[in-house]
Amino acid sequence: MGATKTEHFTDKQNDIATLSKALGHPARVAIIDYLLSVDACICGDIVNELPLAQATVSQHLKELKNAGLIKGSIEGNAICYCIDEKALQKMQQYFAKVSDRLARKKSKC
């Protein structure tokens, strides 16, 4: 198996790749959509919304949190999850830059 060689890329490129990879599963996109609609919730709320087992939802939350897309704060014996707006701003800035460059380029491809 080959190495990923992430050290050959900029921090920004690695950040966008990490965020994109975390969003590479429809369940994680559904979790982000749900969190956007409710602002914050606990894992059990998400389990009630999605057709997934609690352990599966927890694993997806872990991936989203590790990527920095969501954050969690301890409330009693539960973790309350919400969107980390900084990560979404990074993605928004990246795609705005891509869109701007495409608009200026007017490629014939």
C-alpha atoms as a PDB file:
ATOM      1  CA  MET A   1       0.000   0.000   0.000  1.00  0.00           C
ATOM      2  CA  GLY A   2       1.377   3.422  -0.977  1.00  0.00           C
ATOM      3  CA  ALA A   3       1.892   6.355   1.338  1.00  0.00           C
ATOM      4  CA  THR A   4      -0.432   9.334   1.056  1.00  0.00           C
ATOM      5  CA  LYS A   5       2.484  11.795   1.157  1.00  0.00           C
ATOM      6  CA  THR A   6       0.354  14.620   2.550  1.00  0.00           C
ATOM      7  CA  GLU A   7       3.532  16.484   3.437  1.00  0.00           C
ATOM      8  CA  HIS A   8       3.871  17.344  -0.269  1.00  0.00           C
ATOM      9  CA  PHE A   9       0.742  19.513  -0.116  1.00  0.00           C
ATOM     10  CA  THR A  10      -0.041  22.805   1.585  1.00  0.00           C
ATOM     11  CA  ASP A  11      -1.815  22.988   4.930  1.00  0.00           C
ATOM     12  CA  LYS A  12      -4.844  24.495   3.177  1.00  0.00           C
ATOM     13  CA  GLN A  13      -4.969  21.646   0.659  1.00  0.00           C
ATOM     14  CA  ASN A  14      -4.731  19.074   3.435  1.00  0.00           C
ATOM     15  CA  ASP A  15      -7.433  20.881   5.456  1.00  0.00           C
ATOM     16  CA  ILE A  16      -9.878  20.937   2.536  1.00  0.00           C
ATOM     17  CA  ALA A  17      -9.134  17.275   1.780  1.00  0.00           C
ATOM     18  CA  THR A  18      -9.806  16.294   5.406  1.00  0.00           C
ATOM     19  CA  LEU A  19     -13.086  18.205   5.489  1.00  0.00           C
ATOM     20  CA  SER A  20     -14.153  16.795   2.122  1.00  0.00           C
ATOM     21  CA  LYS A  21     -13.321  13.246   3.154  1.00  0.00           C
ATOM     22  CA  ALA A  22     -15.437  13.634   6.283  1.00  0.00           C
ATOM     23  CA  LEU A  23     -18.357  14.728   4.109  1.00  0.00           C
ATOM     24  CA  GLY A  24     -17.798  11.790   1.762  1.00  0.00           C
ATOM     25  CA  HIS A  25     -20.541   9.671   3.331  1.00  0.00           C
ATOM     26  CA  PRO A  26     -24.264  10.433   2.953  1.00  0.00           C
ATOM     27  CA  ALA A  27     -24.929   9.691   6.634  1.00  0.00           C
ATOM     28  CA  ARG A  28     -22.458  12.407   7.629  1.00  0.00           C
ATOM     29  CA  VAL A  29     -24.071  14.853   5.210  1.00  0.00           C
ATOM     30  CA  ALA A  30     -27.436  13.965   6.783  1.00  0.00           C
ATOM     31  CA  ILE A  31     -26.002  14.594  10.258  1.00  0.00           C
ATOM     32  CA  ILE A  32     -24.695  18.013   9.170  1.00  0.00           C
ATOM     33  CA  ASP A  33     -28.094  18.817   7.619  1.00  0.00           C
ATOM     34  CA  TYR A  34     -29.840  17.812  10.846  1.00  0.00           C
ATOM     35  CA  LEU A  35     -27.471  19.846  13.020  1.00  0.00           C
ATOM     36  CA  LEU A  36     -28.047  22.866  10.776  1.00  0.00           C
ATOM     37  CA  SER A  37     -31.792  22.531  11.322  1.00  0.00           C
ATOM     38  CA  VAL A  38     -31.647  22.208  15.129  1.00  0.00           C
ATOM     39  CA  ASP A  39     -28.476  24.154  16.033  1.00  0.00           C
ATOM     40  CA  ALA A  40     -27.364  21.611  18.666  1.00  0.00           C
ATOM     41  CA  CYS A  41     -28.407  18.169  19.890  1.00  0.00           C
ATOM     42  CA  ILE A  42     -27.252  14.958  21.520  1.00  0.00           C
ATOM     43  CA  CYS A  43     -26.462  11.687  19.757  1.00  0.00           C
ATOM     44  CA  GLY A  44     -29.844  10.176  20.687  1.00  0.00           C
ATOM     45  CA  ASP A  45     -31.649  12.944  18.818  1.00  0.00           C
ATOM     46  CA  ILE A  46     -29.726  12.087  15.657  1.00  0.00           C
ATOM     47  CA  VAL A  47     -30.367   8.362  16.134  1.00  0.00           C
ATOM     48  CA  ASN A  48     -34.094   9.144  16.236  1.00  0.00           C
ATOM     49  CA  GLU A  49     -33.815  11.058  12.942  1.00  0.00           C
ATOM     50  CA  LEU A  50     -31.672   8.679  10.894  1.00  0.00           C
ATOM     51  CA  PRO A  51     -32.187   5.008   9.993  1.00  0.00           C
ATOM     52  CA  LEU A  52     -28.915   4.057  11.671  1.00  0.00           C
ATOM     53  CA  ALA A  53     -27.920   2.279  14.850  1.00  0.00           C
ATOM     54  CA  GLN A  54     -26.630   4.340  17.760  1.00  0.00           C
ATOM     55  CA  ALA A  55     -23.125   2.896  17.404  1.00  0.00           C
ATOM     56  CA  THR A  56     -23.053   3.833  13.709  1.00  0.00           C
ATOM     57  CA  VAL A  57     -24.196   7.390  14.427  1.00  0.00           C
ATOM     58  CA  SER A  58     -21.538   7.679  17.136  1.00  0.00           C
ATOM     59  CA  GLN A  59     -18.839   6.565  14.684  1.00  0.00           C
ATOM     60  CA  HIS A  60     -19.979   9.139  12.105  1.00  0.00           C
ATOM     61  CA  LEU A  61     -20.045  11.855  14.778  1.00  0.00           C
ATOM     62  CA  LYS A  62     -16.496  10.899  15.734  1.00  0.00           C
ATOM     63  CA  GLU A  63     -15.344  11.271  12.110  1.00  0.00           C
ATOM     64  CA  LEU A  64     -17.052  14.657  11.760  1.00  0.00           C
ATOM     65  CA  LYS A  65     -15.573  15.836  15.042  1.00  0.00           C
ATOM     66  CA  ASN A  66     -12.058  14.615  14.168  1.00  0.00           C
ATOM     67  CA  ALA A  67     -12.270  16.525  10.882  1.00  0.00           C
ATOM     68  CA  GLY A  68     -13.346  19.658  12.750  1.00  0.00           C
ATOM     69  CA  LEU A  69     -16.773  19.965  11.136  1.00  0.00           C
ATOM     70  CA  ILE A  70     -18.628  19.634  14.429  1.00  0.00           C
ATOM     71  CA  LYS A  71     -17.796  20.206  18.072  1.00  0.00           C
ATOM     72  CA  GLY A  72     -19.214  18.673  21.179  1.00  0.00           C
ATOM     73  CA  SER A  73     -19.654  19.945  24.698  1.00  0.00           C
ATOM     74  CA  ILE A  74     -20.373  17.771  27.703  1.00  0.00           C
ATOM     75  CA  GLU A  75     -23.767  18.373  29.278  1.00  0.00           C
ATOM     76  CA  GLY A  76     -24.314  16.043  32.201  1.00  0.00           C
ATOM     77  CA  ASN A  77     -23.747  12.508  30.935  1.00  0.00           C
ATOM     78  CA  ALA A  78     -24.307  13.402  27.251  1.00  0.00           C
ATOM     79  CA  ILE A  79     -22.394  15.305  24.588  1.00  0.00           C
ATOM     80  CA  CYS A  80     -24.219  18.122  22.851  1.00  0.00           C
ATOM     81  CA  TYR A  81     -23.080  18.453  19.218  1.00  0.00           C
ATOM     82  CA  CYS A  82     -23.159  21.521  16.980  1.00  0.00           C
ATOM     83  CA  ILE A  83     -21.617  22.745  13.728  1.00  0.00           C
ATOM     84  CA  ASP A  84     -18.124  24.247  13.904  1.00  0.00           C
ATOM     85  CA  GLU A  85     -18.645  27.315  11.741  1.00  0.00           C
ATOM     86  CA  LYS A  86     -14.903  27.848  11.213  1.00  0.00           C
ATOM     87  CA  ALA A  87     -14.631  24.616   9.232  1.00  0.00           C
ATOM     88  CA  LEU A  88     -17.605  25.477   7.060  1.00  0.00           C
ATOM     89  CA  GLN A  89     -16.142  28.921   6.425  1.00  0.00           C
ATOM     90  CA  LYS A  90     -12.914  27.284   5.187  1.00  0.00           C
ATOM     91  CA  MET A  91     -14.895  25.191   2.725  1.00  0.00           C
ATOM     92  CA  GLN A  92     -17.026  28.136   1.665  1.00  0.00           C
ATOM     93  CA  GLN A  93     -13.922  30.246   0.990  1.00  0.00           C
ATOM     94  CA  TYR A  94     -12.300  27.438  -0.975  1.00  0.00           C
ATOM     95  CA  PHE A  95     -15.335  26.825  -3.204  1.00  0.00           C
ATOM     96  CA  ALA A  96     -15.874  30.565  -3.670  1.00  0.00           C
ATOM     97  CA  LYS A  97     -12.271  30.819  -4.890  1.00  0.00           C
ATOM     98  CA  VAL A  98     -12.772  27.892  -7.274  1.00  0.00           C
ATOM     99  CA  SER A  99     -16.023  29.366  -8.562  1.00  0.00           C
ATOM    100  CA  ASP A 100     -14.430  32.790  -9.046  1.00  0.00           C
ATOM    101  CA  ARG A 101     -11.506  31.330 -10.973  1.00  0.00           C
ATOM    102  CA  LEU A 102     -13.835  29.331 -13.203  1.00  0.00           C
ATOM    103  CA  ALA A 103     -15.952  32.395 -13.911  1.00  0.00           C
ATOM    104  CA  ARG A 104     -12.883  34.422 -14.897  1.00  0.00           C
ATOM    105  CA  LYS A 105     -11.325  31.628 -16.919  1.00  0.00           C
ATOM    106  CA  LYS A 106     -14.314  30.940 -19.204  1.00  0.00           C
ATOM    107  CA  SER A 107     -12.765  27.654 -20.291  1.00  0.00           C
ATOM    108  CA  LYS A 108     -13.643  26.072 -23.605  1.00  0.00           C
ATOM    109  CA  CYS A 109     -13.104  22.621 -22.152  1.00  0.00           C
END
